[in-house]
Amino acid sequence: MKLIIKAAAIGLGVLALGACNKHTDAGDNVVANADTVADNVEANADNAADTIRANAENTADKVDNAVENGTANSATGNTTKK
């Protein structure tokens, strides 16, 4: 019997906590808008990171080609092919 009373008390506590976390429609709208903004920021960050990686790959290809063709200079940290 004590176990049933404890379980009921815990259940009521969980329900009470759940009720505290509810928002009005206006509050839900604020949260939804913030989620949308956060999603957009994350997407922009992903796109920026992809652009940085692509630019690095392109630059690395140019450096590799310059080294292979013997046209690299000391400014790139590479030596000229002999």
C-alpha atoms as a PDB file:
ATOM      1  CA  MET A   1       0.000   0.000   0.000  1.00  0.00           C
ATOM      2  CA  LYS A   2       2.857   2.389   0.821  1.00  0.00           C
ATOM      3  CA  LEU A   3       4.335   1.701  -2.609  1.00  0.00           C
ATOM      4  CA  ILE A   4       1.087   2.683  -4.322  1.00  0.00           C
ATOM      5  CA  ILE A   5       0.936   5.937  -2.349  1.00  0.00           C
ATOM      6  CA  LYS A   6       4.555   6.741  -3.214  1.00  0.00           C
ATOM      7  CA  ALA A   7       3.916   5.990  -6.888  1.00  0.00           C
ATOM      8  CA  ALA A   8       0.857   8.229  -6.861  1.00  0.00           C
ATOM      9  CA  ALA A   9       2.798  11.033  -5.202  1.00  0.00           C
ATOM     10  CA  ILE A  10       5.591  10.735  -7.752  1.00  0.00           C
ATOM     11  CA  GLY A  11       3.058  10.702 -10.590  1.00  0.00           C
ATOM     12  CA  LEU A  12       1.397  13.872  -9.307  1.00  0.00           C
ATOM     13  CA  GLY A  13       4.808  15.501  -8.965  1.00  0.00           C
ATOM     14  CA  VAL A  14       5.679  14.674 -12.555  1.00  0.00           C
ATOM     15  CA  LEU A  15       2.340  16.055 -13.746  1.00  0.00           C
ATOM     16  CA  ALA A  16       2.914  19.247 -11.779  1.00  0.00           C
ATOM     17  CA  LEU A  17       6.357  19.701 -13.294  1.00  0.00           C
ATOM     18  CA  GLY A  18       4.953  19.116 -16.769  1.00  0.00           C
ATOM     19  CA  ALA A  19       2.334  21.807 -16.224  1.00  0.00           C
ATOM     20  CA  CYS A  20       5.038  24.303 -15.231  1.00  0.00           C
ATOM     21  CA  ASN A  21       6.774  23.916 -18.590  1.00  0.00           C
ATOM     22  CA  LYS A  22       3.732  24.732 -20.734  1.00  0.00           C
ATOM     23  CA  HIS A  23       3.524  28.013 -22.621  1.00  0.00           C
ATOM     24  CA  THR A  24       0.642  30.059 -23.859  1.00  0.00           C
ATOM     25  CA  ASP A  25       0.154  30.269 -27.631  1.00  0.00           C
ATOM     26  CA  ALA A  26       2.119  33.518 -27.605  1.00  0.00           C
ATOM     27  CA  GLY A  27       4.933  31.868 -25.661  1.00  0.00           C
ATOM     28  CA  ASP A  28       4.950  28.903 -28.023  1.00  0.00           C
ATOM     29  CA  ASN A  29       5.204  31.356 -30.926  1.00  0.00           C
ATOM     30  CA  VAL A  30       8.264  32.987 -29.354  1.00  0.00           C
ATOM     31  CA  VAL A  31       9.918  29.588 -28.945  1.00  0.00           C
ATOM     32  CA  ALA A  32       9.021  28.566 -32.507  1.00  0.00           C
ATOM     33  CA  ASN A  33      10.446  31.803 -33.914  1.00  0.00           C
ATOM     34  CA  ALA A  34      13.649  31.369 -31.920  1.00  0.00           C
ATOM     35  CA  ASP A  35      13.963  27.805 -33.207  1.00  0.00           C
ATOM     36  CA  THR A  36      13.576  29.054 -36.780  1.00  0.00           C
ATOM     37  CA  VAL A  37      16.244  31.707 -36.280  1.00  0.00           C
ATOM     38  CA  ALA A  38      18.581  29.177 -34.648  1.00  0.00           C
ATOM     39  CA  ASP A  39      18.027  26.737 -37.526  1.00  0.00           C
ATOM     40  CA  ASN A  40      18.882  29.483 -40.029  1.00  0.00           C
ATOM     41  CA  VAL A  41      22.045  30.398 -38.123  1.00  0.00           C
ATOM     42  CA  GLU A  42      23.115  26.745 -38.070  1.00  0.00           C
ATOM     43  CA  ALA A  43      22.433  26.377 -41.800  1.00  0.00           C
ATOM     44  CA  ASN A  44      24.431  29.529 -42.576  1.00  0.00           C
ATOM     45  CA  ALA A  45      27.306  28.292 -40.424  1.00  0.00           C
ATOM     46  CA  ASP A  46      27.286  24.950 -42.237  1.00  0.00           C
ATOM     47  CA  ASN A  47      27.317  26.741 -45.593  1.00  0.00           C
ATOM     48  CA  ALA A  48      30.187  28.985 -44.493  1.00  0.00           C
ATOM     49  CA  ALA A  49      32.184  25.988 -43.289  1.00  0.00           C
ATOM     50  CA  ASP A  50      31.562  24.193 -46.586  1.00  0.00           C
ATOM     51  CA  THR A  51      32.733  27.278 -48.503  1.00  0.00           C
ATOM     52  CA  ILE A  52      35.906  27.504 -46.428  1.00  0.00           C
ATOM     53  CA  ARG A  53      36.656  23.834 -47.045  1.00  0.00           C
ATOM     54  CA  ALA A  54      35.999  24.149 -50.780  1.00  0.00           C
ATOM     55  CA  ASN A  55      38.248  27.213 -51.019  1.00  0.00           C
ATOM     56  CA  ALA A  56      41.006  25.372 -49.168  1.00  0.00           C
ATOM     57  CA  GLU A  57      40.695  22.405 -51.530  1.00  0.00           C
ATOM     58  CA  ASN A  58      40.891  24.721 -54.561  1.00  0.00           C
ATOM     59  CA  THR A  59      43.920  26.518 -53.145  1.00  0.00           C
ATOM     60  CA  ALA A  60      45.614  23.207 -52.341  1.00  0.00           C
ATOM     61  CA  ASP A  61      45.008  22.060 -55.922  1.00  0.00           C
ATOM     62  CA  LYS A  62      46.598  25.259 -57.259  1.00  0.00           C
ATOM     63  CA  VAL A  63      49.606  24.837 -54.976  1.00  0.00           C
ATOM     64  CA  ASP A  64      49.986  21.193 -55.983  1.00  0.00           C
ATOM     65  CA  ASN A  65      49.814  22.127 -59.669  1.00  0.00           C
ATOM     66  CA  ALA A  66      52.393  24.867 -59.175  1.00  0.00           C
ATOM     67  CA  VAL A  67      54.752  22.453 -57.423  1.00  0.00           C
ATOM     68  CA  GLU A  68      54.288  19.826 -60.119  1.00  0.00           C
ATOM     69  CA  ASN A  69      54.868  22.397 -62.865  1.00  0.00           C
ATOM     70  CA  GLY A  70      57.907  23.924 -61.163  1.00  0.00           C
ATOM     71  CA  THR A  71      56.247  27.310 -60.832  1.00  0.00           C
ATOM     72  CA  ALA A  72      55.870  27.406 -57.047  1.00  0.00           C
ATOM     73  CA  ASN A  73      57.646  30.199 -55.218  1.00  0.00           C
ATOM     74  CA  SER A  74      58.953  30.718 -51.706  1.00  0.00           C
ATOM     75  CA  ALA A  75      55.864  32.710 -50.718  1.00  0.00           C
ATOM     76  CA  THR A  76      53.850  29.478 -50.769  1.00  0.00           C
ATOM     77  CA  GLY A  77      56.441  27.681 -48.689  1.00  0.00           C
ATOM     78  CA  ASN A  78      57.197  25.346 -51.579  1.00  0.00           C
ATOM     79  CA  THR A  79      60.377  24.931 -53.494  1.00  0.00           C
ATOM     80  CA  THR A  80      60.783  25.120 -57.232  1.00  0.00           C
ATOM     81  CA  LYS A  81      61.069  21.789 -58.980  1.00  0.00           C
ATOM     82  CA  LYS A  82      64.484  21.217 -60.590  1.00  0.00           C
END
